[in-house]
Structures are given as C-alpha cells and as structure tokens.
N, C-alpha and C. Protein backbone atom coordinates (compact mmCIF):
# COMPACT_ATOMS: atom_id res chain seq x y z
N UNK A 1 1.01 -1.17 0.02
CA UNK A 1 -0.05 -0.03 -0.06
C UNK A 1 0.80 1.20 -0.06
N UNK A 2 1.08 1.99 -1.29
CA UNK A 2 2.00 3.10 -1.23
C UNK A 2 1.35 4.34 -0.86
N UNK A 3 2.02 5.22 -0.53
CA UNK A 3 1.71 6.48 -0.37
C UNK A 3 2.50 7.53 -0.66
N UNK A 4 3.51 7.10 -1.80
CA UNK A 4 4.50 7.83 -2.26
C UNK A 4 4.31 8.10 -3.68
N UNK A 5 4.65 9.15 -4.21
CA UNK A 5 4.60 9.50 -5.68
C UNK A 5 5.57 10.62 -6.10
N UNK A 6 5.92 10.70 -7.22
CA UNK A 6 6.84 11.78 -7.78
C UNK A 6 6.23 12.48 -8.89
N UNK A 7 5.68 13.74 -8.39
CA UNK A 7 4.87 14.33 -9.51
C UNK A 7 5.81 15.35 -10.25
N UNK A 8 5.68 15.21 -11.44
CA UNK A 8 6.29 15.96 -12.43
C UNK A 8 5.47 17.05 -12.83
N UNK A 9 4.03 17.10 -13.08
CA UNK A 9 3.27 17.84 -13.55
C UNK A 9 1.78 17.74 -12.73
N UNK A 10 1.40 18.94 -12.12
CA UNK A 10 0.20 18.76 -11.47
C UNK A 10 -0.97 19.81 -12.20
N UNK A 11 -1.99 19.51 -12.68
CA UNK A 11 -2.81 20.41 -13.31
C UNK A 11 -4.05 20.64 -12.52
N UNK A 12 -4.61 21.63 -12.44
CA UNK A 12 -5.65 22.09 -11.55
C UNK A 12 -7.03 22.11 -12.23
N UNK A 13 -7.99 21.36 -12.00
CA UNK A 13 -9.41 21.70 -12.72
C UNK A 13 -10.62 21.78 -11.72
N UNK A 14 -11.48 22.31 -12.25
CA UNK A 14 -12.77 22.55 -11.47
C UNK A 14 -13.66 21.09 -11.68
N UNK A 15 -13.92 20.57 -10.52
CA UNK A 15 -14.70 19.20 -10.40
C UNK A 15 -15.98 19.46 -11.02
N UNK A 16 -16.46 18.57 -12.03
CA UNK A 16 -17.58 18.65 -12.49
C UNK A 16 -18.58 17.68 -11.98
N UNK A 17 -18.33 17.15 -10.64
CA UNK A 17 -19.04 16.39 -9.83
C UNK A 17 -18.20 15.91 -8.70
N UNK A 18 -18.63 14.95 -7.88
CA UNK A 18 -17.98 14.48 -6.80
C UNK A 18 -16.62 13.48 -7.54
N UNK A 19 -15.73 13.69 -6.96
CA UNK A 19 -14.58 13.13 -7.31
C UNK A 19 -13.67 12.53 -6.08
N UNK A 20 -13.39 11.08 -6.33
CA UNK A 20 -12.73 10.61 -5.19
C UNK A 20 -11.29 10.76 -5.06
N UNK A 21 -10.95 10.43 -3.90
CA UNK A 21 -9.15 10.68 -3.82
C UNK A 21 -8.60 9.54 -4.48
N UNK A 22 -7.62 9.52 -5.21
CA UNK A 22 -6.54 8.73 -6.00
C UNK A 22 -7.63 7.97 -7.08
N UNK A 23 -8.37 8.63 -7.96
CA UNK A 23 -9.30 8.40 -8.83
C UNK A 23 -8.81 8.92 -10.03
N UNK A 24 -9.04 8.34 -11.36
CA UNK A 24 -8.93 8.97 -12.42
C UNK A 24 -9.86 10.02 -12.81
N UNK A 25 -9.43 11.16 -13.43
CA UNK A 25 -10.25 12.19 -13.85
C UNK A 25 -10.26 12.49 -15.34
N UNK A 26 -11.26 12.45 -15.83
CA UNK A 26 -11.41 12.91 -17.48
C UNK A 26 -11.18 14.30 -17.75
N UNK A 27 -11.04 14.81 -19.12
CA UNK A 27 -10.77 16.08 -19.52
C UNK A 27 -11.86 16.99 -19.01
N UNK A 28 -13.26 16.64 -18.88
CA UNK A 28 -14.16 17.63 -18.55
C UNK A 28 -14.19 17.94 -16.99
N UNK A 29 -13.32 17.52 -16.22
CA UNK A 29 -13.29 17.37 -14.85
C UNK A 29 -14.16 16.54 -13.99
N UNK A 30 -14.70 15.56 -14.68
CA UNK A 30 -15.46 14.63 -14.01
C UNK A 30 -14.57 13.47 -13.53
N UNK A 31 -14.95 12.58 -12.60
CA UNK A 31 -14.29 11.37 -12.24
C UNK A 31 -14.67 10.44 -13.47
N UNK A 32 -13.68 9.48 -13.90
CA UNK A 32 -13.76 8.60 -15.03
C UNK A 32 -15.10 7.87 -14.80
N UNK A 33 -15.89 7.59 -15.85
CA UNK A 33 -17.25 7.00 -15.50
C UNK A 33 -17.34 5.66 -16.52
N UNK A 34 -16.43 5.61 -17.61
CA UNK A 34 -16.73 4.51 -18.63
C UNK A 34 -15.10 3.78 -18.58
N UNK A 35 -15.25 2.56 -18.56
CA UNK A 35 -14.17 1.78 -18.66
C UNK A 35 -13.49 2.03 -19.84
N UNK A 36 -12.18 2.38 -19.54
CA UNK A 36 -11.13 2.59 -20.95
C UNK A 36 -11.04 4.19 -21.53
N UNK A 37 -11.83 4.96 -20.88
CA UNK A 37 -11.93 6.37 -21.27
C UNK A 37 -10.52 7.05 -21.29
N UNK A 38 -10.43 8.04 -21.92
CA UNK A 38 -9.04 8.74 -21.92
C UNK A 38 -9.34 9.86 -20.48
N UNK A 39 -8.26 9.79 -19.79
CA UNK A 39 -8.11 10.66 -18.62
C UNK A 39 -7.07 11.73 -18.73
N UNK A 40 -7.17 12.80 -17.89
CA UNK A 40 -6.25 13.67 -17.78
C UNK A 40 -5.16 13.72 -16.76
N UNK A 41 -5.64 13.03 -15.60
CA UNK A 41 -4.77 12.81 -14.37
C UNK A 41 -5.36 11.89 -13.57
N UNK A 42 -4.66 12.11 -12.31
CA UNK A 42 -5.23 11.19 -10.99
C UNK A 42 -5.34 12.32 -10.06
N UNK A 43 -6.62 12.24 -9.22
CA UNK A 43 -6.77 13.13 -8.18
C UNK A 43 -6.08 13.00 -7.02
N UNK A 44 -5.64 14.03 -6.40
CA UNK A 44 -4.81 13.93 -5.42
C UNK A 44 -5.77 13.82 -3.95
N UNK A 45 -6.83 14.53 -4.09
CA UNK A 45 -7.62 14.44 -2.82
C UNK A 45 -9.08 14.59 -3.35
N UNK A 46 -10.14 14.36 -2.53
CA UNK A 46 -11.56 14.28 -2.87
C UNK A 46 -12.02 15.78 -3.04
N UNK A 47 -12.85 15.85 -3.96
CA UNK A 47 -13.75 17.08 -4.33
C UNK A 47 -14.95 16.94 -4.68
N UNK A 48 -15.81 18.11 -4.63
CA UNK A 48 -17.25 18.12 -5.15
C UNK A 48 -17.50 18.87 -6.16
N UNK A 49 -18.60 18.86 -6.77
CA UNK A 49 -18.87 20.01 -7.90
C UNK A 49 -18.48 21.34 -7.40
N UNK A 50 -17.49 22.10 -8.41
CA UNK A 50 -17.33 23.18 -8.33
C UNK A 50 -16.07 23.41 -7.44
N UNK A 51 -15.39 22.63 -6.89
CA UNK A 51 -14.34 22.79 -6.11
C UNK A 51 -12.98 22.48 -7.02
N UNK A 52 -11.85 23.17 -6.82
CA UNK A 52 -10.80 22.72 -7.55
C UNK A 52 -10.01 21.65 -7.01
N UNK A 53 -9.53 21.07 -8.09
CA UNK A 53 -8.87 19.77 -7.45
C UNK A 53 -7.64 19.29 -8.28
N UNK A 54 -6.53 18.97 -7.51
CA UNK A 54 -5.38 18.68 -8.10
C UNK A 54 -5.05 17.54 -8.80
N UNK A 55 -4.52 17.22 -10.25
CA UNK A 55 -4.50 16.10 -10.86
C UNK A 55 -3.23 15.90 -11.26
N UNK A 56 -2.53 14.74 -10.90
CA UNK A 56 -1.16 14.29 -11.21
C UNK A 56 -1.49 13.90 -12.65
N UNK A 57 -0.62 14.55 -13.61
CA UNK A 57 -0.88 14.39 -15.19
C UNK A 57 0.48 13.79 -15.48
N UNK A 58 1.65 13.87 -14.99
CA UNK A 58 2.86 13.43 -15.28
C UNK A 58 3.70 12.91 -14.15
N UNK A 59 4.56 11.87 -14.21
CA UNK A 59 5.17 11.40 -13.26
C UNK A 59 4.72 10.03 -12.86
N UNK A 60 4.77 9.88 -11.29
CA UNK A 60 4.10 8.75 -10.64
C UNK A 60 2.88 9.43 -9.75
N UNK A 61 1.81 8.29 -9.77
CA UNK A 61 0.59 8.81 -8.83
C UNK A 61 0.39 7.72 -7.95
N UNK A 62 -0.51 7.88 -7.06
CA UNK A 62 -1.10 7.14 -6.10
C UNK A 62 -2.45 6.67 -6.47
N UNK A 63 -3.14 5.50 -6.96
CA UNK A 63 -4.30 5.21 -7.50
C UNK A 63 -5.02 4.20 -6.97
N UNK A 64 -6.32 4.20 -6.93
CA UNK A 64 -7.00 2.99 -6.26
C UNK A 64 -7.28 2.00 -7.24
N UNK A 65 -6.87 0.76 -6.82
CA UNK A 65 -6.99 -0.47 -7.84
C UNK A 65 -8.67 -0.66 -7.73
N UNK A 66 -8.89 -1.08 -8.86
CA UNK A 66 -10.37 -1.64 -9.30
C UNK A 66 -10.22 -3.29 -9.41
N UNK A 67 -9.04 -3.70 -9.46
CA UNK A 67 -8.92 -5.20 -9.68
C UNK A 67 -7.57 -5.56 -9.38
N UNK A 68 -7.18 -6.73 -9.17
CA UNK A 68 -5.99 -7.19 -9.18
C UNK A 68 -5.01 -7.16 -10.33
N UNK A 69 -3.81 -6.64 -10.10
CA UNK A 69 -2.81 -6.56 -11.52
C UNK A 69 -1.46 -6.85 -10.90
N UNK A 70 -0.33 -6.98 -11.81
CA UNK A 70 0.87 -7.28 -11.65
C UNK A 70 1.75 -5.98 -11.94
N UNK A 71 3.03 -6.00 -11.31
CA UNK A 71 4.12 -4.93 -11.45
C UNK A 71 4.35 -5.10 -13.02
N UNK A 72 4.39 -3.80 -13.71
CA UNK A 72 4.68 -3.56 -15.39
C UNK A 72 3.42 -3.74 -15.94
N UNK A 73 2.27 -4.17 -15.49
CA UNK A 73 1.15 -4.41 -16.35
C UNK A 73 0.43 -3.10 -16.75
N UNK A 74 0.06 -2.87 -18.16
CA UNK A 74 -0.73 -1.90 -18.55
C UNK A 74 -2.02 -1.57 -17.98
N UNK A 75 -2.24 -0.17 -17.76
CA UNK A 75 -3.53 -0.14 -16.89
C UNK A 75 -4.50 1.01 -17.47
N UNK A 76 -6.05 0.58 -17.55
CA UNK A 76 -7.13 1.54 -18.01
C UNK A 76 -7.74 1.66 -16.86
N UNK A 77 -8.73 2.57 -16.96
CA UNK A 77 -9.60 2.92 -15.65
C UNK A 77 -10.99 2.03 -15.94
N UNK A 78 -11.62 1.89 -14.77
CA UNK A 78 -12.75 1.26 -14.77
C UNK A 78 -13.91 2.46 -14.82
N UNK A 79 -15.06 1.83 -14.66
CA UNK A 79 -16.31 2.77 -14.52
C UNK A 79 -16.42 3.68 -13.38
N UNK A 80 -15.40 3.48 -12.17
CA UNK A 80 -15.41 4.23 -10.96
C UNK A 80 -14.16 4.88 -11.19
N UNK A 81 -13.41 4.89 -12.00
CA UNK A 81 -12.17 5.81 -12.21
C UNK A 81 -10.92 5.24 -11.37
N UNK A 82 -10.93 3.82 -11.00
CA UNK A 82 -9.89 3.03 -10.49
C UNK A 82 -9.21 2.50 -11.53
N UNK A 83 -8.04 1.95 -11.39
CA UNK A 83 -7.07 1.28 -12.27
C UNK A 83 -7.32 -0.14 -12.43
N UNK A 84 -7.10 -0.63 -13.64
CA UNK A 84 -7.70 -1.89 -13.75
C UNK A 84 -6.71 -2.35 -14.82
N UNK A 85 -6.18 -3.77 -15.18
CA UNK A 85 -5.16 -4.00 -15.99
C UNK A 85 -6.15 -3.93 -17.41
N UNK A 86 -5.20 -3.70 -18.30
CA UNK A 86 -5.69 -3.68 -19.81
C UNK A 86 -6.44 -4.73 -20.17
N UNK A 87 -7.65 -4.74 -21.14
CA UNK A 87 -8.47 -5.91 -21.52
C UNK A 87 -7.39 -6.84 -22.38
N UNK A 88 -6.83 -6.05 -23.36
CA UNK A 88 -6.03 -6.89 -24.13
C UNK A 88 -5.28 -6.25 -25.12
N UNK A 89 -4.45 -7.04 -26.04
CA UNK A 89 -3.72 -6.64 -27.14
C UNK A 89 -4.68 -6.42 -28.42
N UNK A 90 -4.24 -5.14 -29.12
CA UNK A 90 -5.19 -4.85 -30.36
C UNK A 90 -4.71 -6.07 -31.32
N UNK A 91 -6.19 -6.12 -32.00
CA UNK A 91 -6.00 -7.43 -33.27
C UNK A 91 -6.69 -6.81 -34.41
N UNK A 92 -6.57 -7.42 -35.45
CA UNK A 92 -7.42 -7.13 -36.49
C UNK A 92 -9.04 -7.78 -36.12
N UNK A 93 -9.58 -6.56 -36.82
CA UNK A 93 -11.12 -6.84 -36.48
C UNK A 93 -11.66 -7.75 -37.26
N UNK A 94 -12.83 -8.46 -36.78
CA UNK A 94 -13.30 -9.95 -37.59
C UNK A 94 -13.57 -9.37 -39.20
N UNK A 95 -13.19 -10.04 -40.18
CA UNK A 95 -13.31 -9.50 -41.52
C UNK A 95 -12.20 -8.89 -42.39
N UNK A 96 -11.38 -8.32 -41.29
CA UNK A 96 -10.54 -7.30 -41.71
C UNK A 96 -9.32 -8.14 -42.35
N UNK A 97 -8.64 -7.32 -43.28
CA UNK A 97 -7.40 -8.00 -43.99
C UNK A 97 -6.12 -7.32 -43.78
N UNK A 98 -5.16 -8.04 -43.52
CA UNK A 98 -3.79 -7.54 -43.04
C UNK A 98 -3.29 -7.09 -44.40
N UNK A 99 -2.56 -5.92 -44.36
CA UNK A 99 -1.76 -5.46 -45.30
C UNK A 99 -0.40 -5.64 -45.23
N UNK A 100 0.09 -6.17 -46.07
CA UNK A 100 1.70 -6.38 -46.01
C UNK A 100 2.42 -5.72 -47.02
N UNK A 101 1.85 -4.79 -47.85
CA UNK A 101 2.61 -4.03 -48.93
C UNK A 101 3.31 -2.89 -48.30
N UNK A 102 4.54 -2.95 -48.81
CA UNK A 102 5.38 -1.87 -48.28
C UNK A 102 4.86 -0.36 -49.03
N UNK A 103 4.21 -0.60 -50.21
CA UNK A 103 3.58 0.56 -50.73
C UNK A 103 2.58 1.14 -50.14
N UNK A 104 1.93 0.62 -49.37
CA UNK A 104 0.80 1.71 -48.47
C UNK A 104 1.53 2.52 -47.67
N UNK A 105 2.60 2.25 -47.26
CA UNK A 105 3.47 3.35 -46.49
C UNK A 105 2.75 4.03 -45.33
N UNK A 106 1.98 3.39 -44.46
CA UNK A 106 1.11 3.95 -43.38
C UNK A 106 0.01 4.50 -44.11
N UNK A 107 -0.28 4.72 -45.36
CA UNK A 107 -1.45 5.61 -45.49
C UNK A 107 -2.71 4.88 -45.22
N UNK A 108 -2.68 3.72 -44.74
CA UNK A 108 -4.12 2.86 -44.36
C UNK A 108 -4.39 3.35 -42.91
N UNK A 109 -3.52 3.78 -42.20
CA UNK A 109 -3.81 4.22 -40.91
C UNK A 109 -4.29 5.68 -40.60
N UNK A 110 -5.51 5.91 -40.27
CA UNK A 110 -6.02 7.09 -40.02
C UNK A 110 -6.39 7.29 -38.56
N UNK A 111 -6.52 8.77 -38.19
CA UNK A 111 -6.67 9.31 -36.74
C UNK A 111 -7.54 8.36 -36.12
N UNK A 112 -8.09 8.65 -35.05
CA UNK A 112 -9.07 8.04 -34.10
C UNK A 112 -8.61 7.71 -32.75
N UNK A 113 -9.23 7.13 -32.07
CA UNK A 113 -8.81 6.76 -30.45
C UNK A 113 -8.97 5.12 -30.64
N UNK A 114 -7.93 4.81 -29.87
CA UNK A 114 -8.02 3.25 -29.50
C UNK A 114 -9.16 2.94 -28.78
N UNK A 115 -9.71 1.47 -28.70
CA UNK A 115 -10.78 1.14 -28.12
C UNK A 115 -10.48 1.48 -26.58
N UNK A 116 -9.33 1.45 -26.10
CA UNK A 116 -9.22 1.49 -24.62
C UNK A 116 -7.87 2.39 -24.44
N UNK A 117 -8.12 3.52 -23.47
CA UNK A 117 -6.84 4.26 -23.37
C UNK A 117 -6.19 3.79 -22.05
N UNK A 118 -4.95 3.40 -22.49
CA UNK A 118 -3.90 2.92 -21.38
C UNK A 118 -3.23 4.17 -20.92
N UNK A 119 -3.62 4.42 -19.44
CA UNK A 119 -3.02 5.67 -18.98
C UNK A 119 -1.87 5.50 -18.06
N UNK A 120 -1.37 4.42 -17.75
CA UNK A 120 -0.65 4.10 -16.87
C UNK A 120 0.10 2.57 -16.97
N UNK A 121 1.15 2.42 -16.11
CA UNK A 121 1.89 1.27 -15.97
C UNK A 121 1.93 1.17 -14.51
N UNK A 122 1.60 -0.05 -13.98
CA UNK A 122 1.85 -0.39 -12.38
C UNK A 122 3.08 -0.46 -12.04
N UNK A 123 3.67 0.31 -10.77
CA UNK A 123 4.93 0.40 -10.35
C UNK A 123 4.92 -0.77 -9.33
N UNK A 124 3.61 -0.82 -8.78
CA UNK A 124 3.36 -1.92 -7.64
C UNK A 124 2.01 -2.78 -7.90
N UNK A 125 2.12 -4.02 -7.56
CA UNK A 125 1.23 -5.04 -7.71
C UNK A 125 -0.10 -4.85 -6.75
N UNK A 126 -1.11 -5.08 -7.18
CA UNK A 126 -2.52 -4.78 -6.64
C UNK A 126 -2.92 -6.26 -6.34
N UNK A 127 -3.28 -6.85 -5.21
CA UNK A 127 -3.86 -8.14 -4.89
C UNK A 127 -5.36 -8.16 -4.90
N UNK A 128 -6.18 -7.10 -4.97
CA UNK A 128 -7.39 -6.86 -4.99
C UNK A 128 -7.92 -5.44 -5.34
N UNK A 129 -9.08 -5.36 -5.37
CA UNK A 129 -9.65 -3.82 -5.66
C UNK A 129 -9.50 -3.29 -4.26
N UNK A 130 -9.43 -2.06 -4.23
CA UNK A 130 -9.38 -1.09 -2.95
C UNK A 130 -7.99 -0.75 -2.66
N UNK A 131 -7.16 -1.37 -3.02
CA UNK A 131 -5.69 -1.26 -2.74
C UNK A 131 -5.10 0.22 -3.30
N UNK A 132 -4.22 0.94 -2.43
CA UNK A 132 -3.74 2.24 -3.26
C UNK A 132 -2.07 1.72 -3.61
N UNK A 133 -1.86 2.10 -4.85
CA UNK A 133 -0.72 1.63 -5.49
C UNK A 133 -0.04 2.56 -6.35
N UNK A 134 1.46 2.63 -6.30
CA UNK A 134 2.04 3.70 -7.23
C UNK A 134 2.04 3.19 -8.63
N UNK A 135 1.93 4.14 -9.56
CA UNK A 135 1.85 3.97 -11.10
C UNK A 135 2.47 4.96 -11.73
N UNK A 136 3.17 4.44 -12.92
CA UNK A 136 3.59 5.51 -13.60
C UNK A 136 2.74 6.02 -14.97
N UNK A 137 2.61 7.25 -14.77
CA UNK A 137 1.53 7.87 -16.17
C UNK A 137 2.04 7.70 -17.24
N UNK A 138 1.67 7.46 -18.19
CA UNK A 138 1.89 7.60 -19.85
C UNK A 138 1.46 8.97 -20.32
N UNK A 139 2.01 9.29 -21.32
CA UNK A 139 1.70 10.77 -22.18
C UNK A 139 2.18 10.24 -23.35
C-alpha cells in the first residue's frame, strides 16, 4: 500500500461532480465513468462539484485499484475511475485483411481513438480492488 509519488506535473481543474481521492479524472473535470476512457490525470484529494482539484498528470501517482494486477502491467480505468489491467492486445477486426504491402507506407492508418486508453503502468502490484498503489503515468 503505497502513499508516495513523484509528481512532475500537476494540473488544477474544477470538479464537474464528486471526485474521489486517488481516482482518474477525465478532461471535462469529472471522475472517469466509462471503462477505458481517456483521462487527464489522477486526483490527489476528494472534491465536490465546483471545487478545484489537483490532478497528477505526469510522473508517478497513487491510484486506487479496481482489480488485481501485476507490476509492469498496462492499466486502464474502470467505470469508477480506479485502475484495472488492460483488457488485451489490439488485433485485426473480424473480416479485416492484413496489409503487407510496403507501398501502403502507412497511408491505411487514419486518426481516431483506440478502443481503450492505457493511461499508466503499474509500479506496484495490487492483489485486489481497493488497494492504493503507485503507477507511472503515460503521455
């Protein structure tokens, strides 16, 4: 159970609702509410709507686990803003065709978001939900 972190960048936002301590917060200022959503950072303390809350956005942060995971595992958020292991590796969609031509030169890849946003890597293991562990935030 970690209570240490090395913050490289803290961003302050106005909470758009109740935000729990050590939970992931989205770009609109609300605690993450959809599994795999893109997040801005991890809250340092609780807040209610309209209050300023500091988010660790770069460096390491202490986050609450939503499931068990191992050290080094890629993490996404659950529907409560807690860290859970990534669901899986990317793969070709059913019916898709792999392109092996060097002539494509990357032109087949277009913008858009991935199905899940990996926001961090575990620096400590969690044996169950509800533990506080240190993570390394990705950017």
